[in-house]
Amino acid sequence: MYKISFIKTGCGGALTKHSQSISSPRYPDYPYPNSLQCDWVITMPRGKFIRLEFFDFEVEFKCDGKCWCADQLEIWEGPEFNETKLGR
């Protein structure tokens, strides 16, 4: 099982079918709401692979003396409460 979070609560869901899409709320017409966190759980049978492709990905930068990225995407693998972070 894989969990994808838009770290920034208000959206998300479960994906179990081949070839599904994920997008942030109001995409592409409006920016997503502030302080939004979307948790997506992708479940596939054992032995199947999950491929993530990003076609349009923008993050918000804040610069107040030091520039930092206000948005994050984290990918985790494993059952809930026993997950391994694969990347940010």
PDB file of N, CA and C in Angstrom:
ATOM      1  N   MET A   1       0.844  -1.151   0.000  1.00  0.00           N
ATOM      2  CA  MET A   1       0.000   0.000   0.000  1.00  0.00           C
ATOM      3  C   MET A   1       0.902   1.232   0.000  1.00  0.00           C
ATOM      4  N   TYR A   2       0.544   2.225  -0.770  1.00  0.00           N
ATOM      5  CA  TYR A   2       1.284   3.473  -0.833  1.00  0.00           C
ATOM      6  C   TYR A   2       0.373   4.596  -0.400  1.00  0.00           C
ATOM      7  N   LYS A   3       0.924   5.563   0.288  1.00  0.00           N
ATOM      8  CA  LYS A   3       0.156   6.717   0.727  1.00  0.00           C
ATOM      9  C   LYS A   3       0.825   7.957   0.160  1.00  0.00           C
ATOM     10  N   ILE A   4       0.053   8.752  -0.527  1.00  0.00           N
ATOM     11  CA  ILE A   4       0.566   9.992  -1.091  1.00  0.00           C
ATOM     12  C   ILE A   4      -0.143  11.135  -0.392  1.00  0.00           C
ATOM     13  N   SER A   5       0.600  12.075   0.110  1.00  0.00           N
ATOM     14  CA  SER A   5      -0.003  13.214   0.803  1.00  0.00           C
ATOM     15  C   SER A   5       0.421  14.522   0.169  1.00  0.00           C
ATOM     16  N   PHE A   6      -0.544  15.384  -0.055  1.00  0.00           N
ATOM     17  CA  PHE A   6      -0.247  16.775  -0.359  1.00  0.00           C
ATOM     18  C   PHE A   6      -0.163  17.421   1.023  1.00  0.00           C
ATOM     19  N   ILE A   7       1.048  17.646   1.495  1.00  0.00           N
ATOM     20  CA  ILE A   7       1.192  18.190   2.843  1.00  0.00           C
ATOM     21  C   ILE A   7       0.988  19.682   2.806  1.00  0.00           C
ATOM     22  N   LYS A   8       0.174  20.210   3.214  1.00  0.00           N
ATOM     23  CA  LYS A   8      -0.132  21.654   3.292  1.00  0.00           C
ATOM     24  C   LYS A   8      -1.393  21.805   4.018  1.00  0.00           C
ATOM     25  N   THR A   9      -6.939  19.635   5.835  1.00  0.00           N
ATOM     26  CA  THR A   9      -7.369  18.257   5.538  1.00  0.00           C
ATOM     27  C   THR A   9      -8.513  18.557   4.671  1.00  0.00           C
ATOM     28  N   GLY A  10      -8.683  17.969   3.717  1.00  0.00           N
ATOM     29  CA  GLY A  10      -9.858  18.280   2.978  1.00  0.00           C
ATOM     30  C   GLY A  10     -10.036  17.492   1.710  1.00  0.00           C
ATOM     31  N   CYS A  11      -9.186  16.593   1.378  1.00  0.00           N
ATOM     32  CA  CYS A  11      -9.350  15.821   0.147  1.00  0.00           C
ATOM     33  C   CYS A  11      -8.527  14.555   0.252  1.00  0.00           C
ATOM     34  N   GLY A  12      -8.655  13.700  -0.721  1.00  0.00           N
ATOM     35  CA  GLY A  12      -7.916  12.446  -0.726  1.00  0.00           C
ATOM     36  C   GLY A  12      -8.850  11.306  -1.034  1.00  0.00           C
ATOM     37  N   GLY A  13      -8.386  10.103  -0.789  1.00  0.00           N
ATOM     38  CA  GLY A  13      -9.210   8.939  -1.051  1.00  0.00           C
ATOM     39  C   GLY A  13      -8.376   7.707  -1.282  1.00  0.00           C
ATOM     40  N   ALA A  14      -9.032   6.670  -1.774  1.00  0.00           N
ATOM     41  CA  ALA A  14      -8.386   5.389  -2.025  1.00  0.00           C
ATOM     42  C   ALA A  14      -8.377   5.109  -3.517  1.00  0.00           C
ATOM     43  N   LEU A  15      -7.256   4.629  -4.009  1.00  0.00           N
ATOM     44  CA  LEU A  15      -7.119   4.236  -5.411  1.00  0.00           C
ATOM     45  C   LEU A  15      -6.777   2.756  -5.462  1.00  0.00           C
ATOM     46  N   THR A  16      -7.574   1.987  -6.198  1.00  0.00           N
ATOM     47  CA  THR A  16      -7.344   0.549  -6.274  1.00  0.00           C
ATOM     48  C   THR A  16      -7.375   0.026  -7.709  1.00  0.00           C
ATOM     49  N   LYS A  17      -7.706   0.901  -8.662  1.00  0.00           N
ATOM     50  CA  LYS A  17      -7.831   0.467 -10.052  1.00  0.00           C
ATOM     51  C   LYS A  17      -6.623   0.882 -10.857  1.00  0.00           C
ATOM     52  N   HIS A  18      -6.406   0.181 -11.948  1.00  0.00           N
ATOM     53  CA  HIS A  18      -5.307   0.492 -12.854  1.00  0.00           C
ATOM     54  C   HIS A  18      -5.547   1.842 -13.530  1.00  0.00           C
ATOM     55  N   SER A  19      -4.530   2.638 -13.620  1.00  0.00           N
ATOM     56  CA  SER A  19      -4.543   3.889 -14.381  1.00  0.00           C
ATOM     57  C   SER A  19      -5.565   4.905 -13.873  1.00  0.00           C
ATOM     58  N   GLN A  20      -5.367   5.378 -12.666  1.00  0.00           N
ATOM     59  CA  GLN A  20      -6.205   6.427 -12.100  1.00  0.00           C
ATOM     60  C   GLN A  20      -5.387   7.695 -11.950  1.00  0.00           C
ATOM     61  N   SER A  21      -6.073   8.829 -11.845  1.00  0.00           N
ATOM     62  CA  SER A  21      -5.405  10.122 -11.737  1.00  0.00           C
ATOM     63  C   SER A  21      -5.690  10.778 -10.399  1.00  0.00           C
ATOM     64  N   ILE A  22      -4.742  11.577  -9.943  1.00  0.00           N
ATOM     65  CA  ILE A  22      -4.868  12.360  -8.728  1.00  0.00           C
ATOM     66  C   ILE A  22      -4.606  13.808  -9.102  1.00  0.00           C
ATOM     67  N   SER A  23      -5.434  14.706  -8.592  1.00  0.00           N
ATOM     68  CA  SER A  23      -5.142  16.126  -8.777  1.00  0.00           C
ATOM     69  C   SER A  23      -5.610  16.880  -7.538  1.00  0.00           C
ATOM     70  N   SER A  24      -5.040  18.046  -7.321  1.00  0.00           N
ATOM     71  CA  SER A  24      -5.449  18.847  -6.175  1.00  0.00           C
ATOM     72  C   SER A  24      -6.806  19.485  -6.465  1.00  0.00           C
ATOM     73  N   PRO A  25      -7.545  19.845  -5.416  1.00  0.00           N
ATOM     74  CA  PRO A  25      -8.863  20.457  -5.612  1.00  0.00           C
ATOM     75  C   PRO A  25      -8.765  21.729  -6.466  1.00  0.00           C
ATOM     76  N   ARG A  26      -9.764  21.903  -7.298  1.00  0.00           N
ATOM     77  CA  ARG A  26      -9.899  23.065  -8.192  1.00  0.00           C
ATOM     78  C   ARG A  26      -8.864  23.112  -9.307  1.00  0.00           C
ATOM     79  N   TYR A  27      -8.027  22.083  -9.441  1.00  0.00           N
ATOM     80  CA  TYR A  27      -7.046  22.077 -10.522  1.00  0.00           C
ATOM     81  C   TYR A  27      -7.757  21.909 -11.851  1.00  0.00           C
ATOM     82  N   PRO A  28      -7.385  22.536 -12.902  1.00  0.00           N
ATOM     83  CA  PRO A  28      -6.298  23.501 -13.062  1.00  0.00           C
ATOM     84  C   PRO A  28      -6.770  24.954 -12.984  1.00  0.00           C
ATOM     85  N   ASP A  29      -8.050  25.197 -12.727  1.00  0.00           N
ATOM     86  CA  ASP A  29      -8.601  26.547 -12.820  1.00  0.00           C
ATOM     87  C   ASP A  29      -8.162  27.489 -11.717  1.00  0.00           C
ATOM     88  N   TYR A  30      -8.084  27.016 -10.491  1.00  0.00           N
ATOM     89  CA  TYR A  30      -7.780  27.889  -9.356  1.00  0.00           C
ATOM     90  C   TYR A  30      -6.709  27.240  -8.494  1.00  0.00           C
ATOM     91  N   PRO A  31      -5.986  28.030  -7.740  1.00  0.00           N
ATOM     92  CA  PRO A  31      -5.052  27.414  -6.785  1.00  0.00           C
ATOM     93  C   PRO A  31      -5.840  26.680  -5.705  1.00  0.00           C
ATOM     94  N   TYR A  32      -5.226  25.677  -5.120  1.00  0.00           N
ATOM     95  CA  TYR A  32      -5.893  24.931  -4.054  1.00  0.00           C
ATOM     96  C   TYR A  32      -5.984  25.795  -2.793  1.00  0.00           C
ATOM     97  N   PRO A  33      -6.906  25.455  -1.884  1.00  0.00           N
ATOM     98  CA  PRO A  33      -7.071  26.241  -0.654  1.00  0.00           C
ATOM     99  C   PRO A  33      -5.820  26.172   0.231  1.00  0.00           C
ATOM    100  N   ASN A  34      -5.621  27.218   1.042  1.00  0.00           N
ATOM    101  CA  ASN A  34      -4.499  27.229   1.982  1.00  0.00           C
ATOM    102  C   ASN A  34      -4.655  26.131   3.021  1.00  0.00           C
ATOM    103  N   SER A  35      -3.535  25.689   3.556  1.00  0.00           N
ATOM    104  CA  SER A  35      -3.485  24.683   4.632  1.00  0.00           C
ATOM    105  C   SER A  35      -4.210  23.401   4.249  1.00  0.00           C
ATOM    106  N   LEU A  36      -4.060  22.987   3.025  1.00  0.00           N
ATOM    107  CA  LEU A  36      -4.722  21.789   2.519  1.00  0.00           C
ATOM    108  C   LEU A  36      -3.812  20.581   2.654  1.00  0.00           C
ATOM    109  N   GLN A  37      -4.371  19.472   3.135  1.00  0.00           N
ATOM    110  CA  GLN A  37      -3.637  18.213   3.168  1.00  0.00           C
ATOM    111  C   GLN A  37      -4.498  17.150   2.520  1.00  0.00           C
ATOM    112  N   CYS A  38      -3.987  16.526   1.483  1.00  0.00           N
ATOM    113  CA  CYS A  38      -4.703  15.464   0.779  1.00  0.00           C
ATOM    114  C   CYS A  38      -3.953  14.157   0.971  1.00  0.00           C
ATOM    115  N   ASP A  39      -4.630  13.161   1.513  1.00  0.00           N
ATOM    116  CA  ASP A  39      -4.026  11.848   1.703  1.00  0.00           C
ATOM    117  C   ASP A  39      -4.670  10.867   0.734  1.00  0.00           C
ATOM    118  N   TRP A  40      -3.844  10.273  -0.092  1.00  0.00           N
ATOM    119  CA  TRP A  40      -4.296   9.280  -1.053  1.00  0.00           C
ATOM    120  C   TRP A  40      -3.647   7.951  -0.696  1.00  0.00           C
ATOM    121  N   VAL A  41      -4.439   6.893  -0.640  1.00  0.00           N
ATOM    122  CA  VAL A  41      -3.905   5.559  -0.373  1.00  0.00           C
ATOM    123  C   VAL A  41      -4.067   4.737  -1.648  1.00  0.00           C
ATOM    124  N   ILE A  42      -2.952   4.249  -2.157  1.00  0.00           N
ATOM    125  CA  ILE A  42      -2.949   3.432  -3.378  1.00  0.00           C
ATOM    126  C   ILE A  42      -2.677   1.999  -2.965  1.00  0.00           C
ATOM    127  N   THR A  43      -3.604   1.108  -3.297  1.00  0.00           N
ATOM    128  CA  THR A  43      -3.473  -0.294  -2.933  1.00  0.00           C
ATOM    129  C   THR A  43      -3.493  -1.151  -4.193  1.00  0.00           C
ATOM    130  N   MET A  44      -2.512  -2.008  -4.323  1.00  0.00           N
ATOM    131  CA  MET A  44      -2.428  -2.942  -5.445  1.00  0.00           C
ATOM    132  C   MET A  44      -2.118  -4.328  -4.902  1.00  0.00           C
ATOM    133  N   PRO A  45      -2.484  -5.376  -5.636  1.00  0.00           N
ATOM    134  CA  PRO A  45      -2.155  -6.731  -5.186  1.00  0.00           C
ATOM    135  C   PRO A  45      -0.634  -6.918  -5.079  1.00  0.00           C
ATOM    136  N   ARG A  46      -0.233  -7.777  -4.159  1.00  0.00           N
ATOM    137  CA  ARG A  46       1.179  -8.089  -3.977  1.00  0.00           C
ATOM    138  C   ARG A  46       1.784  -8.529  -5.305  1.00  0.00           C
ATOM    139  N   GLY A  47       2.951  -8.044  -5.603  1.00  0.00           N
ATOM    140  CA  GLY A  47       3.630  -8.395  -6.847  1.00  0.00           C
ATOM    141  C   GLY A  47       3.384  -7.416  -7.984  1.00  0.00           C
ATOM    142  N   LYS A  48       2.409  -6.526  -7.830  1.00  0.00           N
ATOM    143  CA  LYS A  48       2.136  -5.504  -8.834  1.00  0.00           C
ATOM    144  C   LYS A  48       2.955  -4.257  -8.508  1.00  0.00           C
ATOM    145  N   PHE A  49       3.294  -3.495  -9.536  1.00  0.00           N
ATOM    146  CA  PHE A  49       4.075  -2.279  -9.363  1.00  0.00           C
ATOM    147  C   PHE A  49       3.173  -1.055  -9.477  1.00  0.00           C
ATOM    148  N   ILE A  50       3.587  -0.002  -8.816  1.00  0.00           N
ATOM    149  CA  ILE A  50       2.889   1.277  -8.907  1.00  0.00           C
ATOM    150  C   ILE A  50       3.853   2.272  -9.531  1.00  0.00           C
ATOM    151  N   ARG A  51       3.400   2.924 -10.585  1.00  0.00           N
ATOM    152  CA  ARG A  51       4.219   3.939 -11.244  1.00  0.00           C
ATOM    153  C   ARG A  51       3.512   5.283 -11.094  1.00  0.00           C
ATOM    154  N   LEU A  52       4.243   6.260 -10.612  1.00  0.00           N
ATOM    155  CA  LEU A  52       3.707   7.607 -10.468  1.00  0.00           C
ATOM    156  C   LEU A  52       4.310   8.487 -11.548  1.00  0.00           C
ATOM    157  N   GLU A  53       3.453   9.189 -12.279  1.00  0.00           N
ATOM    158  CA  GLU A  53       3.908  10.127 -13.299  1.00  0.00           C
ATOM    159  C   GLU A  53       3.323  11.493 -12.961  1.00  0.00           C
ATOM    160  N   PHE A  54       4.145  12.520 -13.056  1.00  0.00           N
ATOM    161  CA  PHE A  54       3.711  13.885 -12.778  1.00  0.00           C
ATOM    162  C   PHE A  54       3.740  14.663 -14.077  1.00  0.00           C
ATOM    163  N   PHE A  55       2.592  15.209 -14.479  1.00  0.00           N
ATOM    164  CA  PHE A  55       2.486  15.946 -15.733  1.00  0.00           C
ATOM    165  C   PHE A  55       2.475  17.453 -15.513  1.00  0.00           C
ATOM    166  N   ASP A  56       2.059  17.895 -14.343  1.00  0.00           N
ATOM    167  CA  ASP A  56       2.028  19.314 -14.017  1.00  0.00           C
ATOM    168  C   ASP A  56       2.196  19.407 -12.510  1.00  0.00           C
ATOM    169  N   PHE A  57       3.297  19.960 -12.056  1.00  0.00           N
ATOM    170  CA  PHE A  57       3.589  19.977 -10.624  1.00  0.00           C
ATOM    171  C   PHE A  57       4.211  21.315 -10.268  1.00  0.00           C
ATOM    172  N   GLU A  58       3.511  22.100  -9.468  1.00  0.00           N
ATOM    173  CA  GLU A  58       4.026  23.397  -9.042  1.00  0.00           C
ATOM    174  C   GLU A  58       3.997  23.467  -7.526  1.00  0.00           C
ATOM    175  N   VAL A  59       4.998  24.107  -6.964  1.00  0.00           N
ATOM    176  CA  VAL A  59       5.041  24.309  -5.526  1.00  0.00           C
ATOM    177  C   VAL A  59       5.186  25.796  -5.232  1.00  0.00           C
ATOM    178  N   GLU A  60       4.723  26.188  -4.062  1.00  0.00           N
ATOM    179  CA  GLU A  60       4.767  27.587  -3.649  1.00  0.00           C
ATOM    180  C   GLU A  60       6.038  27.833  -2.830  1.00  0.00           C
ATOM    181  N   PHE A  61       6.768  28.871  -3.191  1.00  0.00           N
ATOM    182  CA  PHE A  61       7.956  29.254  -2.441  1.00  0.00           C
ATOM    183  C   PHE A  61       7.660  30.481  -1.607  1.00  0.00           C
ATOM    184  N   LYS A  62       8.206  30.512  -0.419  1.00  0.00           N
ATOM    185  CA  LYS A  62       8.100  31.671   0.469  1.00  0.00           C
ATOM    186  C   LYS A  62       9.502  32.232   0.661  1.00  0.00           C
ATOM    187  N   CYS A  63       9.623  33.534   0.578  1.00  0.00           N
ATOM    188  CA  CYS A  63      10.913  34.175   0.810  1.00  0.00           C
ATOM    189  C   CYS A  63      10.726  35.316   1.795  1.00  0.00           C
ATOM    190  N   ASP A  64      11.117  35.092   3.030  1.00  0.00           N
ATOM    191  CA  ASP A  64      11.092  36.130   4.054  1.00  0.00           C
ATOM    192  C   ASP A  64      12.439  36.108   4.782  1.00  0.00           C
ATOM    193  N   GLY A  65      13.460  36.505   4.056  1.00  0.00           N
ATOM    194  CA  GLY A  65      14.825  36.434   4.565  1.00  0.00           C
ATOM    195  C   GLY A  65      15.521  35.171   4.109  1.00  0.00           C
ATOM    196  N   LYS A  66      14.824  34.058   4.132  1.00  0.00           N
ATOM    197  CA  LYS A  66      15.341  32.779   3.658  1.00  0.00           C
ATOM    198  C   LYS A  66      14.239  32.130   2.823  1.00  0.00           C
ATOM    199  N   CYS A  67      14.574  31.686   1.640  1.00  0.00           N
ATOM    200  CA  CYS A  67      13.567  31.063   0.772  1.00  0.00           C
ATOM    201  C   CYS A  67      13.389  29.596   1.164  1.00  0.00           C
ATOM    202  N   TRP A  68      12.136  29.164   1.199  1.00  0.00           N
ATOM    203  CA  TRP A  68      11.822  27.778   1.495  1.00  0.00           C
ATOM    204  C   TRP A  68      10.556  27.377   0.755  1.00  0.00           C
ATOM    205  N   CYS A  69      10.401  26.110   0.552  1.00  0.00           N
ATOM    206  CA  CYS A  69       9.243  25.593  -0.170  1.00  0.00           C
ATOM    207  C   CYS A  69       8.106  25.367   0.812  1.00  0.00           C
ATOM    208  N   ALA A  70       6.982  26.055   0.595  1.00  0.00           N
ATOM    209  CA  ALA A  70       5.823  25.940   1.478  1.00  0.00           C
ATOM    210  C   ALA A  70       5.020  24.673   1.213  1.00  0.00           C
ATOM    211  N   ASP A  71       5.192  24.054   0.056  1.00  0.00           N
ATOM    212  CA  ASP A  71       4.448  22.849  -0.331  1.00  0.00           C
ATOM    213  C   ASP A  71       5.373  21.639  -0.293  1.00  0.00           C
ATOM    214  N   GLN A  72       4.756  20.477  -0.048  1.00  0.00           N
ATOM    215  CA  GLN A  72       5.522  19.232  -0.022  1.00  0.00           C
ATOM    216  C   GLN A  72       4.704  18.100  -0.607  1.00  0.00           C
ATOM    217  N   LEU A  73       5.390  17.156  -1.170  1.00  0.00           N
ATOM    218  CA  LEU A  73       4.797  15.892  -1.581  1.00  0.00           C
ATOM    219  C   LEU A  73       5.641  14.815  -0.927  1.00  0.00           C
ATOM    220  N   GLU A  74       5.015  13.951  -0.152  1.00  0.00           N
ATOM    221  CA  GLU A  74       5.719  12.838   0.470  1.00  0.00           C
ATOM    222  C   GLU A  74       5.094  11.538  -0.007  1.00  0.00           C
ATOM    223  N   ILE A  75       5.936  10.537  -0.218  1.00  0.00           N
ATOM    224  CA  ILE A  75       5.464   9.214  -0.640  1.00  0.00           C
ATOM    225  C   ILE A  75       5.943   8.203   0.395  1.00  0.00           C
ATOM    226  N   TRP A  76       4.978   7.428   0.901  1.00  0.00           N
ATOM    227  CA  TRP A  76       5.239   6.439   1.945  1.00  0.00           C
ATOM    228  C   TRP A  76       4.840   5.052   1.445  1.00  0.00           C
ATOM    229  N   GLU A  77       5.475   4.023   1.963  1.00  0.00           N
ATOM    230  CA  GLU A  77       5.116   2.647   1.626  1.00  0.00           C
ATOM    231  C   GLU A  77       4.847   1.883   2.912  1.00  0.00           C
ATOM    232  N   GLY A  78       3.810   1.047   2.891  1.00  0.00           N
ATOM    233  CA  GLY A  78       3.523   0.192   4.025  1.00  0.00           C
ATOM    234  C   GLY A  78       2.163   0.449   4.628  1.00  0.00           C
ATOM    235  N   PRO A  79       1.749  -0.431   5.538  1.00  0.00           N
ATOM    236  CA  PRO A  79       0.458  -0.266   6.200  1.00  0.00           C
ATOM    237  C   PRO A  79       0.492   0.938   7.134  1.00  0.00           C
ATOM    238  N   GLU A  80      -0.689   1.521   7.356  1.00  0.00           N
ATOM    239  CA  GLU A  80      -0.792   2.701   8.206  1.00  0.00           C
ATOM    240  C   GLU A  80      -0.161   2.438   9.574  1.00  0.00           C
ATOM    241  N   PHE A  81       0.526   3.416  10.103  1.00  0.00           N
ATOM    242  CA  PHE A  81       1.236   3.388  11.382  1.00  0.00           C
ATOM    243  C   PHE A  81       2.501   2.540  11.359  1.00  0.00           C
ATOM    244  N   ASN A  82       2.853   1.962  10.220  1.00  0.00           N
ATOM    245  CA  ASN A  82       4.099   1.210  10.093  1.00  0.00           C
ATOM    246  C   ASN A  82       4.686   1.484   8.719  1.00  0.00           C
ATOM    247  N   GLU A  83       4.681   2.751   8.321  1.00  0.00           N
ATOM    248  CA  GLU A  83       5.068   3.123   6.980  1.00  0.00           C
ATOM    249  C   GLU A  83       6.545   3.503   6.928  1.00  0.00           C
ATOM    250  N   THR A  84       7.103   3.392   5.748  1.00  0.00           N
ATOM    251  CA  THR A  84       8.468   3.827   5.463  1.00  0.00           C
ATOM    252  C   THR A  84       8.394   4.963   4.467  1.00  0.00           C
ATOM    253  N   LYS A  85       9.020   6.083   4.800  1.00  0.00           N
ATOM    254  CA  LYS A  85       9.011   7.210   3.857  1.00  0.00           C
ATOM    255  C   LYS A  85       9.967   6.894   2.711  1.00  0.00           C
ATOM    256  N   LEU A  86       9.437   6.931   1.487  1.00  0.00           N
ATOM    257  CA  LEU A  86      10.237   6.670   0.302  1.00  0.00           C
ATOM    258  C   LEU A  86      10.892   7.949  -0.226  1.00  0.00           C
ATOM    259  N   GLY A  87      10.265   9.066   0.033  1.00  0.00           N
ATOM    260  CA  GLY A  87      10.855  10.313  -0.455  1.00  0.00           C
ATOM    261  C   GLY A  87       9.955  11.494  -0.201  1.00  0.00           C
ATOM    262  N   ARG A  88      10.581  12.672  -0.338  1.00  0.00           N
ATOM    263  CA  ARG A  88       9.851  13.933  -0.223  1.00  0.00           C
ATOM    264  C   ARG A  88      10.223  14.784  -1.411  1.00  0.00           C
TER     265      ARG A  88
END
